[in-house]
Amino acid sequence: METVPKPMMHLLFHSPSLKTLLITGSLVLPALCGCTGPGKSDQDSNSRETTGAESANRKEPTGQTGSQQADSPGGLQQMTAKNLIDAHIEATGGAATIKKIRSYRRSSSVRTTAPTGNSSGTIVEAYDLAGDQGRVDLTVVGFEESKGWQKQKGWRKNTFQPLRDSNDIELSLDKIAMPISILFSIKEIFGNAAFKPPSPGEFNGKECHKVNIVNNPMEVFLNSRTKLIEGIFIPGFLRISFSEYTEKEGVQIPYQSRVEVLTSKSSFSSRLEKIEFNLKLDGARFSKP
């Protein structure tokens, strides 16, 4: 019998350690929450080099080093950040097609695992990309949470906490799931200068290009063959996997995802059941109740 995963839910959605690490990045989260950041530039990021000390202290999630894949047929060492990000955007559906998506709603089945117990349920997400509004409703055995936002004002409530305003960090984290491609969104705001030179990597046993963001700990792994996002890794804290990509309305959407919170040995797996694009969403649904 499934147990009530109260500690699990708080670790997944309210982890102070994870928030502290993410908020130190001055690029990705401010970009998603509408704050200012480095000036946009089309200058190639190959002039930004990782120091030897940084490379020595950085480990791949699977233990595979870049030198072991240097001569791979994927040409991992030859691609510039600009070429790689452009290839990823094209593989996702192309900039023009991505920009046509003004809103979407998706429903997924979810399963959580944690030392305190497992649970299952559903999650429904609605995003108005054009209006910078969103809402997420999670329901699992023994726990419910709703949260929403309109631009820079957000709110949240769950089984164990009454309705309240979201703080800046929570709002930034809530918006991570909004973009069709997080790399596309970063490039649109900051240009190619936002990315360090790509390096070889491996994620879930697959050969990848590893993309590092300037001034942010997040690592994004692009499958070297498909150029789609294989996973996202925040060293010591979070690992997100994406799989089963399917074309919908001209863009590639992952139907399976898994979030692992490394500090708590907890996970959150979701299976996309339904997705709808360019809906007319009722703005009242995003407002604070």
Protein backbone atom coordinates (compact mmCIF):
# COMPACT_ATOMS: atom_id res chain seq x y z
CA MET A 1 0.00 0.00 0.00
CA GLU A 2 1.28 3.47 -0.91
CA THR A 3 2.15 5.75 1.96
CA VAL A 4 1.68 9.48 2.27
CA PRO A 5 4.89 11.08 0.98
CA LYS A 6 4.77 14.37 2.86
CA PRO A 7 8.57 14.71 3.24
CA MET A 8 8.94 13.65 -0.37
CA MET A 9 6.70 16.42 -1.66
CA HIS A 10 8.49 19.08 0.32
CA LEU A 11 11.89 17.88 -0.84
CA LEU A 12 10.82 17.87 -4.47
CA PHE A 13 9.04 21.19 -4.53
CA HIS A 14 10.44 23.16 -1.59
CA SER A 15 14.08 22.11 -1.24
CA PRO A 16 15.99 25.06 0.29
CA SER A 17 19.35 23.59 -0.73
CA LEU A 18 18.29 23.22 -4.33
CA LYS A 19 16.81 26.71 -4.41
CA THR A 20 19.96 28.21 -2.93
CA LEU A 21 22.11 26.56 -5.60
CA LEU A 22 19.84 27.57 -8.46
CA ILE A 23 19.43 31.16 -7.42
CA THR A 24 23.20 31.67 -7.42
CA GLY A 25 23.07 31.29 -11.20
CA SER A 26 22.68 34.82 -12.58
CA LEU A 27 21.37 33.78 -15.97
CA VAL A 28 18.77 31.05 -16.33
CA LEU A 29 16.36 31.71 -13.50
CA PRO A 30 16.33 35.51 -13.85
CA ALA A 31 15.66 34.99 -17.56
CA LEU A 32 12.66 32.78 -16.90
CA CYS A 33 11.18 35.06 -14.26
CA GLY A 34 11.53 38.17 -16.41
CA CYS A 35 14.44 39.81 -14.58
CA THR A 36 17.36 41.47 -16.30
CA GLY A 37 20.64 39.73 -17.03
CA PRO A 38 23.72 40.00 -19.25
CA GLY A 39 23.20 41.95 -22.44
CA LYS A 40 22.16 39.98 -25.49
CA SER A 41 24.92 39.36 -28.00
CA ASP A 42 25.40 37.25 -31.12
CA GLN A 43 29.07 36.91 -30.32
CA ASP A 44 30.15 33.28 -30.33
CA SER A 45 30.88 31.90 -26.88
CA ASN A 46 34.03 30.04 -27.88
CA SER A 47 36.07 32.86 -26.35
CA ARG A 48 34.83 31.74 -22.92
CA GLU A 49 37.05 28.94 -21.69
CA THR A 50 36.67 26.68 -18.67
CA THR A 51 39.76 26.70 -16.50
CA GLY A 52 41.79 23.56 -15.92
CA ALA A 53 40.80 23.53 -12.26
CA GLU A 54 37.12 23.69 -13.15
CA SER A 55 37.47 20.84 -15.61
CA ALA A 56 39.38 18.70 -13.14
CA ASN A 57 36.77 19.17 -10.43
CA ARG A 58 33.78 18.60 -12.71
CA LYS A 59 32.54 15.00 -13.08
CA GLU A 60 30.17 13.65 -15.69
CA PRO A 61 26.94 12.17 -14.23
CA THR A 62 27.92 8.71 -15.49
CA GLY A 63 31.67 8.99 -14.93
CA GLN A 64 32.48 9.13 -18.65
CA THR A 65 35.08 11.79 -19.44
CA GLY A 66 35.28 13.95 -22.53
CA SER A 67 38.67 12.53 -23.57
CA GLN A 68 37.17 9.06 -23.84
CA GLN A 69 34.83 10.34 -26.54
CA ALA A 70 37.13 12.78 -28.32
CA ASP A 71 37.30 10.83 -31.57
CA SER A 72 33.63 9.87 -31.72
CA PRO A 73 31.81 10.10 -35.06
CA GLY A 74 29.45 12.72 -33.68
CA GLY A 75 32.12 15.42 -34.10
CA LEU A 76 31.64 16.46 -30.49
CA GLN A 77 34.75 18.59 -30.24
CA GLN A 78 34.27 20.42 -33.54
CA MET A 79 30.88 22.03 -32.86
CA THR A 80 30.76 25.60 -31.59
CA ALA A 81 28.12 26.64 -29.09
CA LYS A 82 26.32 28.64 -31.77
CA ASN A 83 26.21 25.73 -34.23
CA LEU A 84 25.13 23.29 -31.53
CA ILE A 85 22.34 25.45 -30.14
CA ASP A 86 21.12 26.21 -33.66
CA ALA A 87 21.11 22.46 -34.45
CA HIS A 88 19.15 21.79 -31.26
CA ILE A 89 16.56 24.46 -32.07
CA GLU A 90 16.15 23.06 -35.58
CA ALA A 91 15.81 19.50 -34.24
CA THR A 92 13.17 20.66 -31.74
CA GLY A 93 11.08 22.08 -34.58
CA GLY A 94 12.74 25.31 -35.63
CA ALA A 95 12.58 28.80 -34.17
CA ALA A 96 9.57 29.85 -36.25
CA THR A 97 7.51 26.84 -35.17
CA ILE A 98 8.48 27.17 -31.51
CA LYS A 99 7.48 30.83 -31.55
CA LYS A 100 4.04 29.93 -32.89
CA ILE A 101 3.24 28.13 -29.65
CA ARG A 102 1.63 30.80 -27.52
CA SER A 103 0.07 28.55 -24.91
CA TYR A 104 -0.32 24.90 -24.02
CA ARG A 105 -1.81 22.55 -21.48
CA ARG A 106 -0.51 19.11 -20.63
CA SER A 107 -1.72 16.32 -18.38
CA SER A 108 0.58 13.61 -17.05
CA SER A 109 0.48 10.63 -14.77
CA VAL A 110 3.12 10.79 -12.06
CA ARG A 111 4.84 8.48 -9.63
CA THR A 112 7.02 9.53 -6.72
CA THR A 113 9.55 7.48 -4.81
CA ALA A 114 11.27 8.36 -1.55
CA PRO A 115 12.70 6.67 1.54
CA THR A 116 9.51 7.69 3.34
CA GLY A 117 7.22 5.99 0.83
CA ASN A 118 5.91 5.96 -2.72
CA SER A 119 2.84 7.49 -4.29
CA SER A 120 1.15 8.12 -7.64
CA GLY A 121 -1.31 10.53 -9.18
CA THR A 122 -1.63 13.21 -11.83
CA ILE A 123 -0.26 16.63 -12.70
CA VAL A 124 -1.96 19.20 -14.93
CA GLU A 125 0.05 22.17 -16.23
CA ALA A 126 -1.30 25.19 -18.14
CA TYR A 127 1.06 27.81 -19.57
CA ASP A 128 0.28 31.08 -21.30
CA LEU A 129 3.70 31.75 -22.81
CA ALA A 130 2.69 35.01 -24.45
CA GLY A 131 1.19 36.41 -21.27
CA ASP A 132 3.77 34.97 -18.85
CA GLN A 133 1.12 33.13 -16.86
CA GLY A 134 1.00 29.59 -15.60
CA ARG A 135 -0.65 27.13 -13.26
CA VAL A 136 0.31 23.66 -12.01
CA ASP A 137 -2.03 21.31 -10.13
CA LEU A 138 -0.53 18.18 -8.60
CA THR A 139 -2.61 15.42 -7.01
CA VAL A 140 -1.06 12.27 -5.53
CA VAL A 141 -2.15 9.96 -2.75
CA GLY A 142 -2.19 12.00 0.45
CA PHE A 143 -1.00 15.26 -1.09
CA GLU A 144 -2.33 18.04 -3.30
CA GLU A 145 -0.62 21.23 -4.45
CA SER A 146 -1.71 24.11 -6.66
CA LYS A 147 0.44 27.03 -7.72
CA GLY A 148 0.11 29.77 -10.29
CA TRP A 149 1.49 33.09 -11.43
CA GLN A 150 0.85 36.13 -13.55
CA LYS A 151 4.14 37.71 -14.62
CA GLN A 152 6.06 38.48 -11.41
CA LYS A 153 3.33 37.64 -8.91
CA GLY A 154 2.75 34.06 -7.88
CA TRP A 155 0.84 32.06 -5.30
CA ARG A 156 0.76 28.50 -3.96
CA LYS A 157 -1.07 26.23 -1.54
CA ASN A 158 -0.90 22.56 -0.65
CA THR A 159 -2.28 19.98 1.73
CA PHE A 160 0.04 21.10 4.52
CA GLN A 161 0.32 24.85 3.86
CA PRO A 162 -2.44 27.47 3.41
CA LEU A 163 -2.64 29.85 0.47
CA ARG A 164 0.27 32.28 0.34
CA ASP A 165 2.34 34.35 -2.08
CA SER A 166 5.29 32.69 -3.83
CA ASN A 167 8.68 34.22 -3.16
CA ASP A 168 11.07 35.15 -5.97
CA ILE A 169 13.01 31.89 -5.79
CA GLU A 170 9.87 29.75 -5.87
CA LEU A 171 8.49 31.73 -8.79
CA SER A 172 11.71 31.26 -10.75
CA LEU A 173 11.68 27.51 -10.11
CA ASP A 174 8.01 27.25 -11.06
CA LYS A 175 8.78 28.76 -14.45
CA ILE A 176 11.52 26.29 -15.38
CA ALA A 177 9.01 23.92 -16.97
CA MET A 178 7.36 26.58 -19.14
CA PRO A 179 9.60 26.79 -22.25
CA ILE A 180 9.34 24.27 -25.08
CA SER A 181 13.15 24.37 -24.99
CA ILE A 182 15.05 26.04 -22.18
CA LEU A 183 18.06 26.54 -24.48
CA PHE A 184 15.91 28.28 -27.07
CA SER A 185 14.54 30.62 -24.40
CA ILE A 186 18.01 31.46 -23.11
CA LYS A 187 19.31 32.20 -26.59
CA GLU A 188 16.29 34.37 -27.39
CA ILE A 189 17.00 36.54 -24.35
CA PHE A 190 20.80 36.58 -24.12
CA GLY A 191 22.14 35.33 -27.44
CA ASN A 192 25.03 32.94 -27.98
CA ALA A 193 27.17 34.69 -25.36
CA ALA A 194 25.11 32.87 -22.74
CA PHE A 195 26.76 29.53 -23.58
CA LYS A 196 30.23 28.21 -22.89
CA PRO A 197 31.93 26.05 -25.53
CA PRO A 198 30.30 22.60 -25.63
CA SER A 199 32.19 19.52 -24.53
CA PRO A 200 31.70 15.76 -24.94
CA GLY A 201 29.62 14.04 -22.29
CA GLU A 202 27.41 11.07 -21.59
CA PHE A 203 23.92 10.92 -20.11
CA ASN A 204 21.92 7.76 -19.46
CA GLY A 205 24.52 5.81 -21.41
CA LYS A 206 24.12 7.95 -24.53
CA GLU A 207 26.78 10.06 -26.21
CA CYS A 208 25.99 13.72 -25.76
CA HIS A 209 27.15 17.30 -26.17
CA LYS A 210 27.34 18.96 -22.77
CA VAL A 211 26.21 22.59 -22.74
CA ASN A 212 27.23 24.80 -19.82
CA ILE A 213 25.56 28.13 -19.14
CA VAL A 214 27.64 31.18 -18.18
CA ASN A 215 27.39 31.92 -14.44
CA ASN A 216 25.07 29.00 -13.77
CA PRO A 217 25.73 25.48 -12.42
CA MET A 218 23.19 23.85 -14.73
CA GLU A 219 24.50 21.42 -17.36
CA VAL A 220 22.31 20.53 -20.35
CA PHE A 221 23.05 17.34 -22.28
CA LEU A 222 22.07 17.19 -25.95
CA ASN A 223 21.93 13.78 -27.61
CA SER A 224 24.77 13.82 -30.16
CA ARG A 225 22.59 12.13 -32.78
CA THR A 226 19.18 13.81 -32.35
CA LYS A 227 20.38 17.10 -30.78
CA LEU A 228 17.38 16.93 -28.43
CA ILE A 229 17.74 17.42 -24.68
CA GLU A 230 18.65 14.09 -23.09
CA GLY A 231 18.93 15.50 -19.60
CA ILE A 232 19.71 18.36 -17.24
CA PHE A 233 22.16 18.02 -14.37
CA ILE A 234 22.85 20.31 -11.41
CA PRO A 235 25.91 18.78 -9.72
CA GLY A 236 25.20 17.37 -6.29
CA PHE A 237 21.51 18.25 -6.31
CA LEU A 238 19.31 17.45 -9.29
CA ARG A 239 19.17 15.19 -12.33
CA ILE A 240 16.38 15.38 -14.93
CA SER A 241 16.00 12.84 -17.75
CA PHE A 242 13.86 13.17 -20.89
CA SER A 243 12.89 10.40 -23.30
CA GLU A 244 10.33 9.16 -25.82
CA TYR A 245 10.27 12.32 -27.91
CA THR A 246 7.28 12.61 -30.21
CA GLU A 247 6.43 15.28 -32.76
CA LYS A 248 3.37 17.33 -31.86
CA GLU A 249 2.28 20.39 -33.85
CA GLY A 250 5.73 20.53 -35.44
CA VAL A 251 7.79 20.40 -32.21
CA GLN A 252 9.45 17.51 -30.41
CA ILE A 253 7.95 16.83 -26.99
CA PRO A 254 9.34 14.31 -24.42
CA TYR A 255 6.58 11.99 -23.24
CA GLN A 256 8.62 10.59 -20.37
CA SER A 257 10.61 12.51 -17.77
CA ARG A 258 12.22 11.72 -14.45
CA VAL A 259 13.44 14.14 -11.79
CA GLU A 260 15.90 12.83 -9.22
CA VAL A 261 16.64 14.91 -6.13
CA LEU A 262 20.09 13.59 -5.24
CA THR A 263 20.22 15.10 -1.77
CA SER A 264 17.10 13.24 -0.62
CA LYS A 265 17.31 10.07 -2.74
CA SER A 266 13.86 10.91 -4.07
CA SER A 267 12.43 10.87 -7.59
CA PHE A 268 9.46 12.16 -9.52
CA SER A 269 8.57 10.38 -12.77
CA SER A 270 5.92 11.61 -15.18
CA ARG A 271 4.30 10.19 -18.29
CA LEU A 272 2.63 12.65 -20.65
CA GLU A 273 -0.95 11.62 -21.36
CA LYS A 274 -2.28 14.62 -23.28
CA ILE A 275 -0.98 17.93 -24.62
CA GLU A 276 -2.88 20.74 -26.36
CA PHE A 277 -1.36 23.82 -28.00
CA ASN A 278 -2.56 27.40 -28.52
CA LEU A 279 -5.63 27.12 -26.33
CA LYS A 280 -7.63 30.09 -25.16
CA LEU A 281 -6.84 29.89 -21.45
CA ASP A 282 -9.00 31.67 -18.90
CA GLY A 283 -6.81 34.27 -17.16
CA ALA A 284 -8.82 33.84 -13.97
CA ARG A 285 -7.33 30.36 -13.58
CA PHE A 286 -3.90 31.88 -13.02
CA SER A 287 -5.05 34.46 -10.47
CA LYS A 288 -4.59 33.98 -6.76
CA PRO A 289 -7.75 32.34 -5.36
